């Protein structure tokens, strides 16, 4: 198993959460990120800080897409039985702004699995209010 990469910022995990093991250098750079189990499902989250903001003080859409790619990919990996997957497509709808200090949660769902493609969707929320939704397709490496 690979050693997780450190994030440049230290943030305590919220109660009931644990740090996510980040292996992608870019994801580690914008982390830390956290996860927890709820009714058998994995929930992911991060605290938005100044590094994640656009010029208007809202969390940058690119940060939300990075977060989405990391954890929709994690769901695809599980859906593929632990086999490696790569992003084929990722679409997002931005519904509301998130701000510095917000804890943004991601709840993923595997919508369909074929031998070679995993279909994953997710909702992203702050305090129970959706800020983004996403859908994605993932290629299972080595499958046709």
C-alpha atoms as a PDB file:
ATOM      1  CA  UNK A   1       0.000   0.000   0.000  1.00  0.00           C
ATOM      2  CA  UNK A   2       1.285   3.467  -0.844  1.00  0.00           C
ATOM      3  CA  UNK A   3       2.106   5.941   1.875  1.00  0.00           C
ATOM      4  CA  UNK A   4      -0.403   8.832   2.051  1.00  0.00           C
ATOM      5  CA  UNK A   5       0.939  12.258   1.132  1.00  0.00           C
ATOM      6  CA  UNK A   6       0.910  15.079   3.680  1.00  0.00           C
ATOM      7  CA  UNK A   7      -1.230  18.176   3.172  1.00  0.00           C
ATOM      8  CA  UNK A   8       0.411  21.592   3.667  1.00  0.00           C
ATOM      9  CA  UNK A   9      -2.230  22.633   6.209  1.00  0.00           C
ATOM     10  CA  UNK A  10      -3.035  20.859   9.450  1.00  0.00           C
ATOM     11  CA  UNK A  11      -6.717  20.791  10.366  1.00  0.00           C
ATOM     12  CA  UNK A  12      -8.270  18.685  13.099  1.00  0.00           C
ATOM     13  CA  UNK A  13     -10.846  16.198  11.870  1.00  0.00           C
ATOM     14  CA  UNK A  14     -14.418  17.016  12.922  1.00  0.00           C
ATOM     15  CA  UNK A  15     -15.845  14.741  15.601  1.00  0.00           C
ATOM     16  CA  UNK A  16     -16.736  11.379  14.082  1.00  0.00           C
ATOM     17  CA  UNK A  17     -14.547  11.928  10.997  1.00  0.00           C
ATOM     18  CA  UNK A  18     -11.059  10.661  10.139  1.00  0.00           C
ATOM     19  CA  UNK A  19      -8.447  12.022   7.712  1.00  0.00           C
ATOM     20  CA  UNK A  20      -8.663  10.591   4.185  1.00  0.00           C
ATOM     21  CA  UNK A  21      -5.518   9.000   2.816  1.00  0.00           C
ATOM     22  CA  UNK A  22      -4.569  11.170  -0.157  1.00  0.00           C
ATOM     23  CA  UNK A  23      -2.127   9.722  -2.699  1.00  0.00           C
ATOM     24  CA  UNK A  24      -2.511  12.241  -5.531  1.00  0.00           C
ATOM     25  CA  UNK A  25      -0.068  15.164  -5.036  1.00  0.00           C
ATOM     26  CA  UNK A  26      -2.585  17.800  -6.153  1.00  0.00           C
ATOM     27  CA  UNK A  27      -5.318  16.479  -3.876  1.00  0.00           C
ATOM     28  CA  UNK A  28      -2.861  16.419  -0.954  1.00  0.00           C
ATOM     29  CA  UNK A  29      -1.877  20.014  -1.791  1.00  0.00           C
ATOM     30  CA  UNK A  30      -5.477  21.271  -1.436  1.00  0.00           C
ATOM     31  CA  UNK A  31      -6.253  18.999   1.553  1.00  0.00           C
ATOM     32  CA  UNK A  32      -6.673  17.791   4.150  1.00  0.00           C
ATOM     33  CA  UNK A  33      -9.885  15.919   3.422  1.00  0.00           C
ATOM     34  CA  UNK A  34     -11.901  13.728   5.758  1.00  0.00           C
ATOM     35  CA  UNK A  35     -14.263  10.756   5.657  1.00  0.00           C
ATOM     36  CA  UNK A  36     -16.688   8.832   7.817  1.00  0.00           C
ATOM     37  CA  UNK A  37     -19.156   5.967   7.578  1.00  0.00           C
ATOM     38  CA  UNK A  38     -22.911   6.474   7.815  1.00  0.00           C
ATOM     39  CA  UNK A  39     -25.299   3.546   7.416  1.00  0.00           C
ATOM     40  CA  UNK A  40     -22.671   1.678   5.385  1.00  0.00           C
ATOM     41  CA  UNK A  41     -21.982   4.635   3.076  1.00  0.00           C
ATOM     42  CA  UNK A  42     -18.767   6.652   3.005  1.00  0.00           C
ATOM     43  CA  UNK A  43     -19.190  10.425   3.360  1.00  0.00           C
ATOM     44  CA  UNK A  44     -16.329  12.797   2.507  1.00  0.00           C
ATOM     45  CA  UNK A  45     -15.659  16.393   3.514  1.00  0.00           C
ATOM     46  CA  UNK A  46     -13.226  19.283   3.719  1.00  0.00           C
ATOM     47  CA  UNK A  47     -13.028  22.674   5.388  1.00  0.00           C
ATOM     48  CA  UNK A  48     -12.873  25.463   2.817  1.00  0.00           C
ATOM     49  CA  UNK A  49     -10.068  27.921   3.525  1.00  0.00           C
ATOM     50  CA  UNK A  50      -8.484  30.920   1.787  1.00  0.00           C
ATOM     51  CA  UNK A  51      -6.543  28.620  -0.612  1.00  0.00           C
ATOM     52  CA  UNK A  52      -9.834  27.394  -2.077  1.00  0.00           C
ATOM     53  CA  UNK A  53     -11.483  30.751  -2.856  1.00  0.00           C
ATOM     54  CA  UNK A  54     -12.050  32.705  -6.048  1.00  0.00           C
ATOM     55  CA  UNK A  55     -11.643  36.483  -6.293  1.00  0.00           C
ATOM     56  CA  UNK A  56     -15.184  37.003  -4.967  1.00  0.00           C
ATOM     57  CA  UNK A  57     -14.612  34.995  -1.786  1.00  0.00           C
ATOM     58  CA  UNK A  58     -16.593  31.908  -2.834  1.00  0.00           C
ATOM     59  CA  UNK A  59     -15.078  28.423  -3.015  1.00  0.00           C
ATOM     60  CA  UNK A  60     -13.614  28.140  -6.523  1.00  0.00           C
ATOM     61  CA  UNK A  61     -15.432  25.763  -8.847  1.00  0.00           C
ATOM     62  CA  UNK A  62     -12.068  24.159  -9.645  1.00  0.00           C
ATOM     63  CA  UNK A  63     -11.665  23.194  -5.993  1.00  0.00           C
ATOM     64  CA  UNK A  64     -15.124  21.660  -5.946  1.00  0.00           C
ATOM     65  CA  UNK A  65     -14.281  19.723  -9.127  1.00  0.00           C
ATOM     66  CA  UNK A  66     -11.016  18.502  -7.550  1.00  0.00           C
ATOM     67  CA  UNK A  67     -12.975  17.334  -4.507  1.00  0.00           C
ATOM     68  CA  UNK A  68     -15.515  15.660  -6.816  1.00  0.00           C
ATOM     69  CA  UNK A  69     -12.856  13.904  -8.889  1.00  0.00           C
ATOM     70  CA  UNK A  70     -11.141  12.566  -5.770  1.00  0.00           C
ATOM     71  CA  UNK A  71     -14.203  11.052  -4.152  1.00  0.00           C
ATOM     72  CA  UNK A  72     -16.321  10.051  -7.117  1.00  0.00           C
ATOM     73  CA  UNK A  73     -13.135   8.261  -8.167  1.00  0.00           C
ATOM     74  CA  UNK A  74     -12.930   6.595  -4.776  1.00  0.00           C
ATOM     75  CA  UNK A  75     -16.503   5.348  -5.218  1.00  0.00           C
ATOM     76  CA  UNK A  76     -15.700   4.081  -8.727  1.00  0.00           C
ATOM     77  CA  UNK A  77     -12.646   2.235  -7.363  1.00  0.00           C
ATOM     78  CA  UNK A  78     -14.870   0.487  -4.806  1.00  0.00           C
ATOM     79  CA  UNK A  79     -17.504  -0.203  -7.478  1.00  0.00           C
ATOM     80  CA  UNK A  80     -14.834  -1.812  -9.649  1.00  0.00           C
ATOM     81  CA  UNK A  81     -13.891  -4.203  -6.864  1.00  0.00           C
ATOM     82  CA  UNK A  82     -10.698  -2.324  -6.031  1.00  0.00           C
ATOM     83  CA  UNK A  83      -9.407  -2.185  -9.602  1.00  0.00           C
ATOM     84  CA  UNK A  84      -7.882   1.061 -10.856  1.00  0.00           C
ATOM     85  CA  UNK A  85     -10.164   3.506 -12.681  1.00  0.00           C
ATOM     86  CA  UNK A  86      -9.581   6.736 -14.584  1.00  0.00           C
ATOM     87  CA  UNK A  87     -11.952   9.635 -15.203  1.00  0.00           C
ATOM     88  CA  UNK A  88     -13.717   9.542 -18.572  1.00  0.00           C
ATOM     89  CA  UNK A  89     -16.074  12.425 -17.876  1.00  0.00           C
ATOM     90  CA  UNK A  90     -17.162  14.586 -14.964  1.00  0.00           C
ATOM     91  CA  UNK A  91     -20.059  17.054 -15.151  1.00  0.00           C
ATOM     92  CA  UNK A  92     -21.150  19.392 -12.388  1.00  0.00           C
ATOM     93  CA  UNK A  93     -23.992  21.751 -11.631  1.00  0.00           C
ATOM     94  CA  UNK A  94     -23.147  24.580  -9.231  1.00  0.00           C
ATOM     95  CA  UNK A  95     -26.214  25.364  -7.130  1.00  0.00           C
ATOM     96  CA  UNK A  96     -25.018  27.730  -4.396  1.00  0.00           C
ATOM     97  CA  UNK A  97     -21.822  29.296  -3.102  1.00  0.00           C
ATOM     98  CA  UNK A  98     -19.687  27.896  -0.312  1.00  0.00           C
ATOM     99  CA  UNK A  99     -17.411  30.201   1.705  1.00  0.00           C
ATOM    100  CA  UNK A 100     -14.228  30.000   3.762  1.00  0.00           C
ATOM    101  CA  UNK A 101     -14.892  28.126   6.982  1.00  0.00           C
ATOM    102  CA  UNK A 102     -17.668  26.008   5.465  1.00  0.00           C
ATOM    103  CA  UNK A 103     -17.407  22.240   5.837  1.00  0.00           C
ATOM    104  CA  UNK A 104     -18.389  20.793   2.471  1.00  0.00           C
ATOM    105  CA  UNK A 105     -19.673  17.210   2.450  1.00  0.00           C
ATOM    106  CA  UNK A 106     -19.801  14.800  -0.482  1.00  0.00           C
ATOM    107  CA  UNK A 107     -22.176  11.841  -0.685  1.00  0.00           C
ATOM    108  CA  UNK A 108     -21.502   9.514  -3.619  1.00  0.00           C
ATOM    109  CA  UNK A 109     -23.720   6.917  -5.270  1.00  0.00           C
ATOM    110  CA  UNK A 110     -22.840   4.236  -7.803  1.00  0.00           C
ATOM    111  CA  UNK A 111     -25.617   4.434 -10.384  1.00  0.00           C
ATOM    112  CA  UNK A 112     -24.539   1.617 -12.708  1.00  0.00           C
ATOM    113  CA  UNK A 113     -21.637  -0.761 -13.138  1.00  0.00           C
ATOM    114  CA  UNK A 114     -20.581  -2.535 -16.311  1.00  0.00           C
ATOM    115  CA  UNK A 115     -17.448  -4.592 -16.863  1.00  0.00           C
ATOM    116  CA  UNK A 116     -15.537  -1.562 -18.182  1.00  0.00           C
ATOM    117  CA  UNK A 117     -17.443   1.558 -17.052  1.00  0.00           C
ATOM    118  CA  UNK A 118     -18.631   2.749 -13.626  1.00  0.00           C
ATOM    119  CA  UNK A 119     -21.340   5.446 -13.455  1.00  0.00           C
ATOM    120  CA  UNK A 120     -21.129   7.562 -10.287  1.00  0.00           C
ATOM    121  CA  UNK A 121     -23.071  10.594  -9.055  1.00  0.00           C
ATOM    122  CA  UNK A 122     -22.793  12.759  -5.951  1.00  0.00           C
ATOM    123  CA  UNK A 123     -24.269  15.644  -4.048  1.00  0.00           C
ATOM    124  CA  UNK A 124     -22.193  18.237  -2.209  1.00  0.00           C
ATOM    125  CA  UNK A 125     -23.645  20.185   0.679  1.00  0.00           C
ATOM    126  CA  UNK A 126     -22.923  22.713   3.397  1.00  0.00           C
ATOM    127  CA  UNK A 127     -25.083  22.420   6.492  1.00  0.00           C
ATOM    128  CA  UNK A 128     -27.591  20.255   4.634  1.00  0.00           C
ATOM    129  CA  UNK A 129     -27.958  22.682   1.687  1.00  0.00           C
ATOM    130  CA  UNK A 130     -26.777  21.398  -1.697  1.00  0.00           C
ATOM    131  CA  UNK A 131     -24.074  23.529  -3.283  1.00  0.00           C
ATOM    132  CA  UNK A 132     -23.220  21.209  -6.204  1.00  0.00           C
ATOM    133  CA  UNK A 133     -24.233  17.973  -7.881  1.00  0.00           C
ATOM    134  CA  UNK A 134     -22.009  15.877 -10.144  1.00  0.00           C
ATOM    135  CA  UNK A 135     -22.194  12.878 -12.452  1.00  0.00           C
ATOM    136  CA  UNK A 136     -19.239  10.951 -13.840  1.00  0.00           C
ATOM    137  CA  UNK A 137     -18.075   8.002 -15.918  1.00  0.00           C
ATOM    138  CA  UNK A 138     -14.987   5.984 -14.935  1.00  0.00           C
ATOM    139  CA  UNK A 139     -13.008   3.529 -17.095  1.00  0.00           C
ATOM    140  CA  UNK A 140     -11.934   0.353 -15.327  1.00  0.00           C
ATOM    141  CA  UNK A 141      -8.333  -0.100 -16.455  1.00  0.00           C
ATOM    142  CA  UNK A 142      -7.678  -3.319 -18.351  1.00  0.00           C
ATOM    143  CA  UNK A 143     -11.339  -3.893 -19.252  1.00  0.00           C
ATOM    144  CA  UNK A 144     -12.936  -3.551 -22.683  1.00  0.00           C
END
